[in-house]
Amino acid sequence: MSTALPPCSTLILAGGRGQRMGGRDKGLLPWQGEPLVAHVQSVVRPLCDDVVISCNRNHEAYRAYADQLVTDAEADFPGPLAGVIAGLAVARHEWVIVLACDAPRVDRALIEGLLRLAVEHDSPAMVRQGGYWQPMFSVLPRRVLPVLEQAWREGERSLQKALLRGAVQGFECLQEDTRLSNFNSPEWLEE
């Protein structure tokens, strides 16, 4: 018998520069007729009533896909750790699903598996793909916020390294798992 999943928030990270996309805002780039962020949001919406998008530009466009918007505390696109800190600070639920805006093939089974693992161990959970951590596919308890803030104050800018300061459960995925594909170049969008 499976345990019911607790209420959760979802944080979609869309605050990057989009350098590999020629400076375009990745989350708003079209794929299969919709912006990348719309694909991610449509998967998580049935799982939660609190979708938070971390974005540093194009707020009006992102508002259509979010219950809350956050921006980084510092200017100049400091990276995903800043977005996670901002998102955890406003999330309405104890458990927060963290996803990148450019991973439109993520599915509900992956998200529920991560959430179940995190809740079962009362610990952050992160995808491990082929032996490598994938912090853009995580479930975090809000109580890790002070740990991440401390890492930031100490100069850490890597989300993965900040999370791995404590215990993290690995959700194992195969190297070829297409649900984890993120679209980092214009050519990938055309596939």
C-alpha atoms as a PDB file:
ATOM      1  CA  MET A   1       0.000   0.000   0.000  1.00  0.00           C
ATOM      2  CA  SER A   2       1.475   3.338  -1.000  1.00  0.00           C
ATOM      3  CA  THR A   3       1.444   6.286   1.328  1.00  0.00           C
ATOM      4  CA  ALA A   4      -0.413   9.408   0.246  1.00  0.00           C
ATOM      5  CA  LEU A   5       1.924  12.147  -0.849  1.00  0.00           C
ATOM      6  CA  PRO A   6       1.901  15.316   1.259  1.00  0.00           C
ATOM      7  CA  PRO A   7       0.944  18.740  -0.075  1.00  0.00           C
ATOM      8  CA  CYS A   8       3.881  20.319  -1.855  1.00  0.00           C
ATOM      9  CA  SER A   9       5.029  23.426  -3.649  1.00  0.00           C
ATOM     10  CA  THR A  10       6.874  23.406  -6.960  1.00  0.00           C
ATOM     11  CA  LEU A  11       9.730  25.741  -7.775  1.00  0.00           C
ATOM     12  CA  ILE A  12      10.504  26.103 -11.478  1.00  0.00           C
ATOM     13  CA  LEU A  13      13.879  27.707 -12.089  1.00  0.00           C
ATOM     14  CA  ALA A  14      13.761  30.120 -15.033  1.00  0.00           C
ATOM     15  CA  GLY A  15      16.171  32.803 -13.898  1.00  0.00           C
ATOM     16  CA  GLY A  16      19.188  32.164 -16.111  1.00  0.00           C
ATOM     17  CA  ARG A  17      20.839  34.279 -18.770  1.00  0.00           C
ATOM     18  CA  GLY A  18      20.137  31.809 -21.579  1.00  0.00           C
ATOM     19  CA  GLN A  19      23.709  32.208 -22.820  1.00  0.00           C
ATOM     20  CA  ARG A  20      23.646  28.959 -24.822  1.00  0.00           C
ATOM     21  CA  MET A  21      20.395  30.177 -26.388  1.00  0.00           C
ATOM     22  CA  GLY A  22      21.891  33.447 -27.571  1.00  0.00           C
ATOM     23  CA  GLY A  23      20.598  35.326 -24.523  1.00  0.00           C
ATOM     24  CA  ARG A  24      16.972  34.336 -25.081  1.00  0.00           C
ATOM     25  CA  ASP A  25      14.884  33.409 -22.037  1.00  0.00           C
ATOM     26  CA  LYS A  26      14.878  29.597 -22.204  1.00  0.00           C
ATOM     27  CA  GLY A  27      11.640  29.049 -20.347  1.00  0.00           C
ATOM     28  CA  LEU A  28       9.717  31.061 -22.908  1.00  0.00           C
ATOM     29  CA  LEU A  29      11.183  29.422 -26.019  1.00  0.00           C
ATOM     30  CA  PRO A  30       8.583  27.432 -27.947  1.00  0.00           C
ATOM     31  CA  TRP A  31       8.686  23.654 -28.165  1.00  0.00           C
ATOM     32  CA  GLN A  32       5.836  21.645 -29.652  1.00  0.00           C
ATOM     33  CA  GLY A  33       3.688  24.766 -29.805  1.00  0.00           C
ATOM     34  CA  GLU A  34       4.127  25.959 -26.218  1.00  0.00           C
ATOM     35  CA  PRO A  35       6.849  27.639 -24.142  1.00  0.00           C
ATOM     36  CA  LEU A  36       9.161  25.175 -22.383  1.00  0.00           C
ATOM     37  CA  VAL A  37       7.911  26.367 -18.975  1.00  0.00           C
ATOM     38  CA  ALA A  38       4.320  25.478 -19.946  1.00  0.00           C
ATOM     39  CA  HIS A  39       5.278  21.829 -20.416  1.00  0.00           C
ATOM     40  CA  VAL A  40       6.881  21.648 -16.971  1.00  0.00           C
ATOM     41  CA  GLN A  41       4.012  23.520 -15.321  1.00  0.00           C
ATOM     42  CA  SER A  42       1.376  21.236 -16.880  1.00  0.00           C
ATOM     43  CA  VAL A  43       3.069  18.186 -15.331  1.00  0.00           C
ATOM     44  CA  VAL A  44       3.333  19.653 -11.825  1.00  0.00           C
ATOM     45  CA  ARG A  45       0.023  21.530 -11.658  1.00  0.00           C
ATOM     46  CA  PRO A  46      -2.051  18.421 -10.770  1.00  0.00           C
ATOM     47  CA  LEU A  47       0.395  17.692  -7.917  1.00  0.00           C
ATOM     48  CA  CYS A  48       0.367  21.056  -6.197  1.00  0.00           C
ATOM     49  CA  ASP A  49      -1.514  24.263  -5.559  1.00  0.00           C
ATOM     50  CA  ASP A  50       1.618  26.387  -5.232  1.00  0.00           C
ATOM     51  CA  VAL A  51       3.749  26.813  -8.358  1.00  0.00           C
ATOM     52  CA  VAL A  52       6.583  29.277  -7.796  1.00  0.00           C
ATOM     53  CA  ILE A  53       8.671  30.447 -10.736  1.00  0.00           C
ATOM     54  CA  SER A  54      12.080  31.987 -10.149  1.00  0.00           C
ATOM     55  CA  CYS A  55      12.650  34.430 -13.008  1.00  0.00           C
ATOM     56  CA  ASN A  56      14.777  37.523 -13.401  1.00  0.00           C
ATOM     57  CA  ARG A  57      13.016  38.985 -16.457  1.00  0.00           C
ATOM     58  CA  ASN A  58       9.785  38.621 -18.449  1.00  0.00           C
ATOM     59  CA  HIS A  59       7.677  38.532 -15.287  1.00  0.00           C
ATOM     60  CA  GLU A  60       4.387  39.174 -17.084  1.00  0.00           C
ATOM     61  CA  ALA A  61       4.939  36.215 -19.410  1.00  0.00           C
ATOM     62  CA  TYR A  62       5.786  33.869 -16.519  1.00  0.00           C
ATOM     63  CA  ARG A  63       2.873  35.053 -14.369  1.00  0.00           C
ATOM     64  CA  ALA A  64       0.493  32.952 -16.512  1.00  0.00           C
ATOM     65  CA  TYR A  65       2.217  29.768 -15.295  1.00  0.00           C
ATOM     66  CA  ALA A  66       2.754  30.567 -11.613  1.00  0.00           C
ATOM     67  CA  ASP A  67       0.978  31.232  -8.344  1.00  0.00           C
ATOM     68  CA  GLN A  68       4.017  33.199  -7.164  1.00  0.00           C
ATOM     69  CA  LEU A  69       7.047  34.756  -8.846  1.00  0.00           C
ATOM     70  CA  VAL A  70      10.410  35.335  -7.182  1.00  0.00           C
ATOM     71  CA  THR A  71      13.604  36.995  -8.335  1.00  0.00           C
ATOM     72  CA  ASP A  72      17.166  36.584  -7.150  1.00  0.00           C
ATOM     73  CA  ALA A  73      18.230  38.782  -4.247  1.00  0.00           C
ATOM     74  CA  GLU A  74      21.314  39.813  -6.221  1.00  0.00           C
ATOM     75  CA  ALA A  75      21.421  41.168  -9.762  1.00  0.00           C
ATOM     76  CA  ASP A  76      23.403  39.745 -12.680  1.00  0.00           C
ATOM     77  CA  PHE A  77      21.963  36.204 -12.757  1.00  0.00           C
ATOM     78  CA  PRO A  78      23.869  34.602  -9.850  1.00  0.00           C
ATOM     79  CA  GLY A  79      22.672  31.048 -10.622  1.00  0.00           C
ATOM     80  CA  PRO A  80      20.228  28.380  -9.508  1.00  0.00           C
ATOM     81  CA  LEU A  81      21.238  28.405  -5.838  1.00  0.00           C
ATOM     82  CA  ALA A  82      19.984  32.002  -5.601  1.00  0.00           C
ATOM     83  CA  GLY A  83      16.710  30.983  -7.231  1.00  0.00           C
ATOM     84  CA  VAL A  84      16.239  28.054  -4.848  1.00  0.00           C
ATOM     85  CA  ILE A  85      16.890  30.262  -1.823  1.00  0.00           C
ATOM     86  CA  ALA A  86      14.314  32.798  -3.051  1.00  0.00           C
ATOM     87  CA  GLY A  87      11.790  30.078  -3.865  1.00  0.00           C
ATOM     88  CA  LEU A  88      12.096  28.195  -0.571  1.00  0.00           C
ATOM     89  CA  ALA A  89      11.583  31.465   1.288  1.00  0.00           C
ATOM     90  CA  VAL A  90       8.069  31.901  -0.170  1.00  0.00           C
ATOM     91  CA  ALA A  91       6.938  28.293  -0.725  1.00  0.00           C
ATOM     92  CA  ARG A  92       3.654  27.580   1.057  1.00  0.00           C
ATOM     93  CA  HIS A  93       4.320  23.894   1.796  1.00  0.00           C
ATOM     94  CA  GLU A  94       7.024  22.019   3.692  1.00  0.00           C
ATOM     95  CA  TRP A  95       8.063  19.966   0.636  1.00  0.00           C
ATOM     96  CA  VAL A  96       9.253  21.715  -2.509  1.00  0.00           C
ATOM     97  CA  ILE A  97       9.770  20.092  -5.908  1.00  0.00           C
ATOM     98  CA  VAL A  98      12.632  21.839  -7.752  1.00  0.00           C
ATOM     99  CA  LEU A  99      12.737  21.635 -11.558  1.00  0.00           C
ATOM    100  CA  ALA A 100      14.405  23.503 -14.406  1.00  0.00           C
ATOM    101  CA  CYS A 101      12.238  25.330 -16.911  1.00  0.00           C
ATOM    102  CA  ASP A 102      14.049  23.665 -19.816  1.00  0.00           C
ATOM    103  CA  ALA A 103      13.212  20.025 -19.018  1.00  0.00           C
ATOM    104  CA  PRO A 104       9.833  19.608 -20.732  1.00  0.00           C
ATOM    105  CA  ARG A 105       9.975  15.801 -20.809  1.00  0.00           C
ATOM    106  CA  VAL A 106       9.869  15.408 -17.031  1.00  0.00           C
ATOM    107  CA  ASP A 107       6.888  13.283 -16.027  1.00  0.00           C
ATOM    108  CA  ARG A 108       4.661  12.744 -13.046  1.00  0.00           C
ATOM    109  CA  ALA A 109       6.147   9.314 -12.219  1.00  0.00           C
ATOM    110  CA  LEU A 110       9.626  10.819 -11.819  1.00  0.00           C
ATOM    111  CA  ILE A 111       8.356  13.674  -9.660  1.00  0.00           C
ATOM    112  CA  GLU A 112       6.227  11.418  -7.460  1.00  0.00           C
ATOM    113  CA  GLY A 113       9.140   8.991  -7.063  1.00  0.00           C
ATOM    114  CA  LEU A 114      11.422  11.815  -5.924  1.00  0.00           C
ATOM    115  CA  LEU A 115       8.785  13.167  -3.551  1.00  0.00           C
ATOM    116  CA  ARG A 116       8.067   9.737  -2.095  1.00  0.00           C
ATOM    117  CA  LEU A 117      11.807   9.107  -1.517  1.00  0.00           C
ATOM    118  CA  ALA A 118      12.269  12.492   0.178  1.00  0.00           C
ATOM    119  CA  VAL A 119       9.254  12.049   2.459  1.00  0.00           C
ATOM    120  CA  GLU A 120      10.109   8.434   3.315  1.00  0.00           C
ATOM    121  CA  HIS A 121      13.603   9.462   4.477  1.00  0.00           C
ATOM    122  CA  ASP A 122      12.571  12.931   5.718  1.00  0.00           C
ATOM    123  CA  SER A 123      15.489  14.262   3.704  1.00  0.00           C
ATOM    124  CA  PRO A 124      16.249  16.089   0.450  1.00  0.00           C
ATOM    125  CA  ALA A 125      16.159  13.841  -2.602  1.00  0.00           C
ATOM    126  CA  MET A 126      17.947  14.449  -5.890  1.00  0.00           C
ATOM    127  CA  VAL A 127      18.156  12.543  -9.154  1.00  0.00           C
ATOM    128  CA  ARG A 128      21.386  10.644  -9.783  1.00  0.00           C
ATOM    129  CA  GLN A 129      21.840   9.882 -13.440  1.00  0.00           C
ATOM    130  CA  GLY A 130      24.678   7.587 -14.419  1.00  0.00           C
ATOM    131  CA  GLY A 131      26.402   8.324 -11.103  1.00  0.00           C
ATOM    132  CA  TYR A 132      26.066  12.119 -11.402  1.00  0.00           C
ATOM    133  CA  TRP A 133      23.839  14.282  -9.244  1.00  0.00           C
ATOM    134  CA  GLN A 134      21.201  16.336 -11.092  1.00  0.00           C
ATOM    135  CA  PRO A 135      20.134  19.133  -8.712  1.00  0.00           C
ATOM    136  CA  MET A 136      17.615  20.522 -11.209  1.00  0.00           C
ATOM    137  CA  PHE A 137      15.488  17.465 -10.373  1.00  0.00           C
ATOM    138  CA  SER A 138      15.121  17.592  -6.586  1.00  0.00           C
ATOM    139  CA  VAL A 139      12.647  17.591  -3.747  1.00  0.00           C
ATOM    140  CA  LEU A 140      13.658  19.659  -0.743  1.00  0.00           C
ATOM    141  CA  PRO A 141      12.173  20.217   2.682  1.00  0.00           C
ATOM    142  CA  ARG A 142      11.880  23.941   3.377  1.00  0.00           C
ATOM    143  CA  ARG A 143      13.964  23.453   6.506  1.00  0.00           C
ATOM    144  CA  VAL A 144      17.138  23.265   4.334  1.00  0.00           C
ATOM    145  CA  LEU A 145      16.785  26.984   3.617  1.00  0.00           C
ATOM    146  CA  PRO A 146      19.136  28.101   6.461  1.00  0.00           C
ATOM    147  CA  VAL A 147      21.762  25.588   5.283  1.00  0.00           C
ATOM    148  CA  LEU A 148      21.589  26.951   1.724  1.00  0.00           C
ATOM    149  CA  GLU A 149      21.669  30.551   2.968  1.00  0.00           C
ATOM    150  CA  GLN A 150      24.751  29.770   5.072  1.00  0.00           C
ATOM    151  CA  ALA A 151      26.461  28.157   2.078  1.00  0.00           C
ATOM    152  CA  TRP A 152      25.669  31.290   0.034  1.00  0.00           C
ATOM    153  CA  ARG A 153      27.115  33.587   2.709  1.00  0.00           C
ATOM    154  CA  GLU A 154      30.276  31.451   2.692  1.00  0.00           C
ATOM    155  CA  GLY A 155      30.659  32.013  -1.052  1.00  0.00           C
ATOM    156  CA  GLU A 156      29.227  28.762  -2.396  1.00  0.00           C
ATOM    157  CA  ARG A 157      27.390  29.246  -5.710  1.00  0.00           C
ATOM    158  CA  SER A 158      26.837  25.608  -6.707  1.00  0.00           C
ATOM    159  CA  LEU A 159      23.373  24.306  -5.832  1.00  0.00           C
ATOM    160  CA  GLN A 160      24.664  20.746  -5.934  1.00  0.00           C
ATOM    161  CA  LYS A 161      27.548  21.407  -3.542  1.00  0.00           C
ATOM    162  CA  ALA A 162      25.313  23.363  -1.173  1.00  0.00           C
ATOM    163  CA  LEU A 163      22.758  20.543  -1.057  1.00  0.00           C
ATOM    164  CA  LEU A 164      25.408  17.872  -0.584  1.00  0.00           C
ATOM    165  CA  ARG A 165      26.561  19.557   2.635  1.00  0.00           C
ATOM    166  CA  GLY A 166      23.884  17.416   4.282  1.00  0.00           C
ATOM    167  CA  ALA A 167      22.335  14.006   3.695  1.00  0.00           C
ATOM    168  CA  VAL A 168      20.655  13.661   0.296  1.00  0.00           C
ATOM    169  CA  GLN A 169      18.774  10.638  -1.007  1.00  0.00           C
ATOM    170  CA  GLY A 170      19.650   9.609  -4.555  1.00  0.00           C
ATOM    171  CA  PHE A 171      16.830   8.804  -6.959  1.00  0.00           C
ATOM    172  CA  GLU A 172      18.613   6.625  -9.501  1.00  0.00           C
ATOM    173  CA  CYS A 173      17.880   7.135 -13.203  1.00  0.00           C
ATOM    174  CA  LEU A 174      19.499   5.575 -16.226  1.00  0.00           C
ATOM    175  CA  GLN A 175      21.970   7.613 -18.264  1.00  0.00           C
ATOM    176  CA  GLU A 176      19.637   7.475 -21.283  1.00  0.00           C
ATOM    177  CA  ASP A 177      16.509   8.563 -19.365  1.00  0.00           C
ATOM    178  CA  THR A 178      14.996  11.124 -21.753  1.00  0.00           C
ATOM    179  CA  ARG A 179      12.786  12.592 -19.008  1.00  0.00           C
ATOM    180  CA  LEU A 180      15.912  14.368 -17.776  1.00  0.00           C
ATOM    181  CA  SER A 181      16.784  15.975 -21.112  1.00  0.00           C
ATOM    182  CA  ASN A 182      17.212  19.695 -20.827  1.00  0.00           C
ATOM    183  CA  PHE A 183      17.214  21.915 -23.855  1.00  0.00           C
ATOM    184  CA  ASN A 184      20.478  23.828 -23.806  1.00  0.00           C
ATOM    185  CA  SER A 185      20.872  24.760 -27.453  1.00  0.00           C
ATOM    186  CA  PRO A 186      18.618  26.016 -30.227  1.00  0.00           C
ATOM    187  CA  GLU A 187      19.258  22.782 -32.152  1.00  0.00           C
ATOM    188  CA  TRP A 188      17.737  20.672 -29.371  1.00  0.00           C
ATOM    189  CA  LEU A 189      14.482  22.602 -29.657  1.00  0.00           C
ATOM    190  CA  GLU A 190      14.213  21.608 -33.299  1.00  0.00           C
ATOM    191  CA  GLU A 191      14.423  17.861 -32.593  1.00  0.00           C
END
